[in-house]
């Protein structure tokens, strides 16, 4: 019997038979099994997941911690954002960096993508390493605030990351992105 928050191994269609894809059980009988892994939230059949054969360290899925693109702000700073278009980090023109709340509104003058959906970092280890190195080179070594959305999936029945982020917005928050405001 699967349990909420349990780390399971996911069988993926067309994948390498030796490949083990970890995911968290969000809801064990959704119908099906609702899981959250590197690619995000999905519902799979129970036969597609099995409890991990060996103990696994808890992990933060790549979708919540690696950048998907960069926005350029009018000040010249740039903001790394997630696959779900939530801000992660701001780096100013002098190299100073700050963690951003995932619900913050960012005024952007343009964006560039770091990868596309046909080649995400959870399927491309060299891209994953490149993104992690980019963050490390800028001193961005802690988990972004967006990682807190993972716990929200366990406590609320969210259908996507942005819905989970809505639960993170404090009642007295300023500068909230329009689609996340209460």
C-alpha atoms as a PDB file:
ATOM      1  CA  UNK A   1       0.000   0.000   0.000  1.00  0.00           C
ATOM      2  CA  UNK A   2       1.505   3.337  -1.065  1.00  0.00           C
ATOM      3  CA  UNK A   3       1.521   6.291   1.313  1.00  0.00           C
ATOM      4  CA  UNK A   4       1.519  10.063   0.815  1.00  0.00           C
ATOM      5  CA  UNK A   5       5.099  11.486   0.781  1.00  0.00           C
ATOM      6  CA  UNK A   6       6.563   8.058  -0.001  1.00  0.00           C
ATOM      7  CA  UNK A   7       9.351   8.059  -2.587  1.00  0.00           C
ATOM      8  CA  UNK A   8       8.553   5.580  -5.335  1.00  0.00           C
ATOM      9  CA  UNK A   9      10.228   4.399  -8.508  1.00  0.00           C
ATOM     10  CA  UNK A  10       8.374   5.207 -11.701  1.00  0.00           C
ATOM     11  CA  UNK A  11       8.392   3.076 -14.849  1.00  0.00           C
ATOM     12  CA  UNK A  12       8.414   5.326 -17.886  1.00  0.00           C
ATOM     13  CA  UNK A  13       7.274   4.337 -21.374  1.00  0.00           C
ATOM     14  CA  UNK A  14      10.113   4.149 -23.846  1.00  0.00           C
ATOM     15  CA  UNK A  15      12.737   4.677 -21.167  1.00  0.00           C
ATOM     16  CA  UNK A  16      15.835   2.642 -20.525  1.00  0.00           C
ATOM     17  CA  UNK A  17      14.778  -0.462 -18.575  1.00  0.00           C
ATOM     18  CA  UNK A  18      17.598   0.138 -16.076  1.00  0.00           C
ATOM     19  CA  UNK A  19      16.578   3.755 -15.496  1.00  0.00           C
ATOM     20  CA  UNK A  20      14.889   4.480 -12.180  1.00  0.00           C
ATOM     21  CA  UNK A  21      12.870   7.686 -12.025  1.00  0.00           C
ATOM     22  CA  UNK A  22      12.058   8.779  -8.468  1.00  0.00           C
ATOM     23  CA  UNK A  23       8.841  10.556  -7.551  1.00  0.00           C
ATOM     24  CA  UNK A  24       6.830  11.384  -4.449  1.00  0.00           C
ATOM     25  CA  UNK A  25       3.355   9.986  -3.863  1.00  0.00           C
ATOM     26  CA  UNK A  26       1.038  12.987  -3.504  1.00  0.00           C
ATOM     27  CA  UNK A  27      -2.206  11.013  -3.325  1.00  0.00           C
ATOM     28  CA  UNK A  28      -2.139   7.198  -3.366  1.00  0.00           C
ATOM     29  CA  UNK A  29      -5.639   6.745  -4.841  1.00  0.00           C
ATOM     30  CA  UNK A  30      -6.540   9.796  -6.897  1.00  0.00           C
ATOM     31  CA  UNK A  31      -7.995   7.610  -8.948  1.00  0.00           C
ATOM     32  CA  UNK A  32      -4.697   6.183  -9.985  1.00  0.00           C
ATOM     33  CA  UNK A  33      -1.631   7.375  -8.101  1.00  0.00           C
ATOM     34  CA  UNK A  34      -0.930  11.131  -8.117  1.00  0.00           C
ATOM     35  CA  UNK A  35       2.846  11.643  -8.090  1.00  0.00           C
ATOM     36  CA  UNK A  36       5.251  14.584  -8.237  1.00  0.00           C
ATOM     37  CA  UNK A  37       8.658  14.038  -9.806  1.00  0.00           C
ATOM     38  CA  UNK A  38      11.260  16.014 -11.715  1.00  0.00           C
ATOM     39  CA  UNK A  39       8.826  16.683 -14.576  1.00  0.00           C
ATOM     40  CA  UNK A  40       6.012  17.763 -12.267  1.00  0.00           C
ATOM     41  CA  UNK A  41       2.632  16.385 -11.280  1.00  0.00           C
ATOM     42  CA  UNK A  42       1.088  13.389 -13.010  1.00  0.00           C
ATOM     43  CA  UNK A  43      -1.402  10.626 -12.375  1.00  0.00           C
ATOM     44  CA  UNK A  44      -0.240   7.118 -13.188  1.00  0.00           C
ATOM     45  CA  UNK A  45      -1.587   3.630 -12.705  1.00  0.00           C
ATOM     46  CA  UNK A  46      -0.518   1.792  -9.567  1.00  0.00           C
ATOM     47  CA  UNK A  47       1.386  -0.800 -11.623  1.00  0.00           C
ATOM     48  CA  UNK A  48       3.590   2.011 -13.014  1.00  0.00           C
ATOM     49  CA  UNK A  49       5.072   2.777  -9.577  1.00  0.00           C
ATOM     50  CA  UNK A  50       6.668   0.661  -6.910  1.00  0.00           C
ATOM     51  CA  UNK A  51       8.129   1.472  -3.521  1.00  0.00           C
ATOM     52  CA  UNK A  52      11.812   2.283  -3.764  1.00  0.00           C
ATOM     53  CA  UNK A  53      13.898  -0.895  -3.574  1.00  0.00           C
ATOM     54  CA  UNK A  54      16.609   0.886  -1.622  1.00  0.00           C
ATOM     55  CA  UNK A  55      16.261   3.759   0.844  1.00  0.00           C
ATOM     56  CA  UNK A  56      16.371   7.096  -0.997  1.00  0.00           C
ATOM     57  CA  UNK A  57      17.363  10.510   0.224  1.00  0.00           C
ATOM     58  CA  UNK A  58      14.553  13.057   0.038  1.00  0.00           C
ATOM     59  CA  UNK A  59      14.992  15.244  -3.036  1.00  0.00           C
ATOM     60  CA  UNK A  60      13.650  18.454  -4.504  1.00  0.00           C
ATOM     61  CA  UNK A  61      12.369  17.821  -8.034  1.00  0.00           C
ATOM     62  CA  UNK A  62      14.269  19.671 -10.754  1.00  0.00           C
ATOM     63  CA  UNK A  63      11.081  21.446 -11.858  1.00  0.00           C
ATOM     64  CA  UNK A  64      11.140  23.331  -8.533  1.00  0.00           C
ATOM     65  CA  UNK A  65      14.862  24.158  -8.398  1.00  0.00           C
ATOM     66  CA  UNK A  66      16.426  24.484 -11.856  1.00  0.00           C
ATOM     67  CA  UNK A  67      15.907  27.490 -14.141  1.00  0.00           C
ATOM     68  CA  UNK A  68      13.979  27.182 -17.377  1.00  0.00           C
ATOM     69  CA  UNK A  69      14.758  30.677 -18.559  1.00  0.00           C
ATOM     70  CA  UNK A  70      15.920  34.192 -17.732  1.00  0.00           C
ATOM     71  CA  UNK A  71      13.967  37.458 -17.660  1.00  0.00           C
ATOM     72  CA  UNK A  72      15.779  40.769 -18.109  1.00  0.00           C
ATOM     73  CA  UNK A  73      14.563  43.571 -15.841  1.00  0.00           C
ATOM     74  CA  UNK A  74      14.609  47.301 -16.709  1.00  0.00           C
ATOM     75  CA  UNK A  75      17.402  47.774 -14.117  1.00  0.00           C
ATOM     76  CA  UNK A  76      19.670  45.425 -16.080  1.00  0.00           C
ATOM     77  CA  UNK A  77      19.343  42.663 -13.499  1.00  0.00           C
ATOM     78  CA  UNK A  78      18.242  39.283 -14.689  1.00  0.00           C
ATOM     79  CA  UNK A  79      15.915  36.789 -13.035  1.00  0.00           C
ATOM     80  CA  UNK A  80      16.111  33.021 -13.381  1.00  0.00           C
ATOM     81  CA  UNK A  81      12.622  31.520 -13.568  1.00  0.00           C
ATOM     82  CA  UNK A  82      11.259  27.998 -13.308  1.00  0.00           C
ATOM     83  CA  UNK A  83       9.442  25.823 -15.825  1.00  0.00           C
ATOM     84  CA  UNK A  84       6.209  27.107 -14.270  1.00  0.00           C
ATOM     85  CA  UNK A  85       7.335  30.727 -14.772  1.00  0.00           C
ATOM     86  CA  UNK A  86       7.950  31.371 -11.088  1.00  0.00           C
ATOM     87  CA  UNK A  87      10.931  33.585 -10.189  1.00  0.00           C
ATOM     88  CA  UNK A  88      13.810  31.790  -8.490  1.00  0.00           C
ATOM     89  CA  UNK A  89      16.793  34.182  -8.249  1.00  0.00           C
ATOM     90  CA  UNK A  90      17.730  37.738  -9.208  1.00  0.00           C
ATOM     91  CA  UNK A  91      21.317  38.577 -10.202  1.00  0.00           C
ATOM     92  CA  UNK A  92      22.151  42.287 -10.459  1.00  0.00           C
ATOM     93  CA  UNK A  93      24.695  43.952 -12.747  1.00  0.00           C
ATOM     94  CA  UNK A  94      27.419  43.767 -10.068  1.00  0.00           C
ATOM     95  CA  UNK A  95      26.951  40.011  -9.575  1.00  0.00           C
ATOM     96  CA  UNK A  96      24.960  40.299  -6.343  1.00  0.00           C
ATOM     97  CA  UNK A  97      22.272  37.655  -6.048  1.00  0.00           C
ATOM     98  CA  UNK A  98      19.081  37.264  -4.061  1.00  0.00           C
ATOM     99  CA  UNK A  99      16.474  34.549  -3.699  1.00  0.00           C
ATOM    100  CA  UNK A 100      13.007  35.580  -4.836  1.00  0.00           C
ATOM    101  CA  UNK A 101       9.602  34.486  -3.647  1.00  0.00           C
ATOM    102  CA  UNK A 102       7.877  32.345  -6.285  1.00  0.00           C
ATOM    103  CA  UNK A 103       4.762  34.561  -6.176  1.00  0.00           C
ATOM    104  CA  UNK A 104       6.579  37.853  -6.856  1.00  0.00           C
ATOM    105  CA  UNK A 105       5.667  39.957  -9.867  1.00  0.00           C
ATOM    106  CA  UNK A 106       8.675  40.567 -12.128  1.00  0.00           C
ATOM    107  CA  UNK A 107       8.725  43.424 -14.621  1.00  0.00           C
ATOM    108  CA  UNK A 108      10.476  41.983 -17.632  1.00  0.00           C
ATOM    109  CA  UNK A 109      11.831  43.573 -20.801  1.00  0.00           C
ATOM    110  CA  UNK A 110      12.428  40.225 -22.435  1.00  0.00           C
ATOM    111  CA  UNK A 111      13.306  36.626 -21.817  1.00  0.00           C
ATOM    112  CA  UNK A 112      15.518  33.867 -23.080  1.00  0.00           C
ATOM    113  CA  UNK A 113      14.953  30.164 -22.605  1.00  0.00           C
ATOM    114  CA  UNK A 114      17.681  27.856 -21.307  1.00  0.00           C
ATOM    115  CA  UNK A 115      16.038  24.665 -22.584  1.00  0.00           C
ATOM    116  CA  UNK A 116      12.864  23.515 -24.307  1.00  0.00           C
ATOM    117  CA  UNK A 117      10.367  20.815 -23.447  1.00  0.00           C
ATOM    118  CA  UNK A 118      11.816  18.378 -25.967  1.00  0.00           C
ATOM    119  CA  UNK A 119      15.074  18.219 -23.980  1.00  0.00           C
ATOM    120  CA  UNK A 120      14.442  18.900 -20.263  1.00  0.00           C
ATOM    121  CA  UNK A 121      17.229  18.545 -17.675  1.00  0.00           C
ATOM    122  CA  UNK A 122      15.573  15.495 -16.076  1.00  0.00           C
ATOM    123  CA  UNK A 123      16.160  13.635 -19.350  1.00  0.00           C
ATOM    124  CA  UNK A 124      19.536  15.200 -20.143  1.00  0.00           C
ATOM    125  CA  UNK A 125      22.216  14.792 -17.441  1.00  0.00           C
ATOM    126  CA  UNK A 126      24.670  17.123 -19.208  1.00  0.00           C
ATOM    127  CA  UNK A 127      22.058  19.912 -19.311  1.00  0.00           C
ATOM    128  CA  UNK A 128      21.257  19.287 -15.650  1.00  0.00           C
ATOM    129  CA  UNK A 129      24.945  19.641 -14.747  1.00  0.00           C
ATOM    130  CA  UNK A 130      25.283  22.778 -16.892  1.00  0.00           C
ATOM    131  CA  UNK A 131      22.302  24.452 -15.166  1.00  0.00           C
ATOM    132  CA  UNK A 132      23.569  23.461 -11.712  1.00  0.00           C
ATOM    133  CA  UNK A 133      27.043  24.798 -12.563  1.00  0.00           C
ATOM    134  CA  UNK A 134      25.554  28.087 -13.799  1.00  0.00           C
ATOM    135  CA  UNK A 135      23.781  28.522 -10.470  1.00  0.00           C
ATOM    136  CA  UNK A 136      26.859  27.541  -8.452  1.00  0.00           C
ATOM    137  CA  UNK A 137      29.081  29.926 -10.415  1.00  0.00           C
ATOM    138  CA  UNK A 138      26.732  32.738  -9.382  1.00  0.00           C
ATOM    139  CA  UNK A 139      26.775  31.641  -5.734  1.00  0.00           C
ATOM    140  CA  UNK A 140      23.197  30.330  -5.871  1.00  0.00           C
ATOM    141  CA  UNK A 141      23.732  27.190  -3.819  1.00  0.00           C
ATOM    142  CA  UNK A 142      20.702  27.016  -1.516  1.00  0.00           C
ATOM    143  CA  UNK A 143      17.282  25.771  -2.544  1.00  0.00           C
ATOM    144  CA  UNK A 144      15.018  28.460  -4.020  1.00  0.00           C
ATOM    145  CA  UNK A 145      11.848  29.422  -2.147  1.00  0.00           C
ATOM    146  CA  UNK A 146       9.829  27.595  -4.831  1.00  0.00           C
ATOM    147  CA  UNK A 147      11.023  24.314  -3.296  1.00  0.00           C
ATOM    148  CA  UNK A 148       8.487  25.002  -0.512  1.00  0.00           C
ATOM    149  CA  UNK A 149       5.714  24.256  -3.015  1.00  0.00           C
ATOM    150  CA  UNK A 150       6.508  20.543  -2.732  1.00  0.00           C
ATOM    151  CA  UNK A 151       5.106  20.372   0.796  1.00  0.00           C
ATOM    152  CA  UNK A 152       1.964  22.195  -0.380  1.00  0.00           C
ATOM    153  CA  UNK A 153       1.187  19.317  -2.763  1.00  0.00           C
ATOM    154  CA  UNK A 154       1.099  16.953   0.211  1.00  0.00           C
ATOM    155  CA  UNK A 155      -1.192  19.204   2.269  1.00  0.00           C
ATOM    156  CA  UNK A 156      -3.569  20.487  -0.435  1.00  0.00           C
ATOM    157  CA  UNK A 157      -5.054  18.907  -3.501  1.00  0.00           C
ATOM    158  CA  UNK A 158      -3.279  21.160  -6.023  1.00  0.00           C
ATOM    159  CA  UNK A 159      -3.421  20.489  -9.730  1.00  0.00           C
ATOM    160  CA  UNK A 160      -0.247  22.371 -10.722  1.00  0.00           C
ATOM    161  CA  UNK A 161       2.754  24.243  -9.343  1.00  0.00           C
ATOM    162  CA  UNK A 162       1.242  27.720  -9.684  1.00  0.00           C
ATOM    163  CA  UNK A 163      -1.794  26.614  -7.677  1.00  0.00           C
ATOM    164  CA  UNK A 164       0.581  25.363  -4.963  1.00  0.00           C
ATOM    165  CA  UNK A 165       2.414  28.711  -5.050  1.00  0.00           C
ATOM    166  CA  UNK A 166      -0.900  30.509  -4.358  1.00  0.00           C
ATOM    167  CA  UNK A 167      -0.914  28.744  -0.986  1.00  0.00           C
ATOM    168  CA  UNK A 168       2.531  30.226  -0.219  1.00  0.00           C
ATOM    169  CA  UNK A 169       1.479  33.870  -0.682  1.00  0.00           C
ATOM    170  CA  UNK A 170       1.223  35.640   2.708  1.00  0.00           C
ATOM    171  CA  UNK A 171      -2.004  37.573   3.288  1.00  0.00           C
ATOM    172  CA  UNK A 172      -0.082  40.870   3.589  1.00  0.00           C
ATOM    173  CA  UNK A 173       2.228  40.275   0.592  1.00  0.00           C
ATOM    174  CA  UNK A 174       3.075  43.114  -1.789  1.00  0.00           C
ATOM    175  CA  UNK A 175       4.137  42.800  -5.421  1.00  0.00           C
ATOM    176  CA  UNK A 176       2.203  39.563  -6.074  1.00  0.00           C
ATOM    177  CA  UNK A 177       1.913  38.337  -9.661  1.00  0.00           C
ATOM    178  CA  UNK A 178      -1.627  39.036 -10.903  1.00  0.00           C
ATOM    179  CA  UNK A 179      -2.556  35.385 -11.506  1.00  0.00           C
ATOM    180  CA  UNK A 180      -1.428  34.458  -7.970  1.00  0.00           C
ATOM    181  CA  UNK A 181      -3.174  37.239  -6.048  1.00  0.00           C
ATOM    182  CA  UNK A 182      -6.063  36.229  -3.800  1.00  0.00           C
END
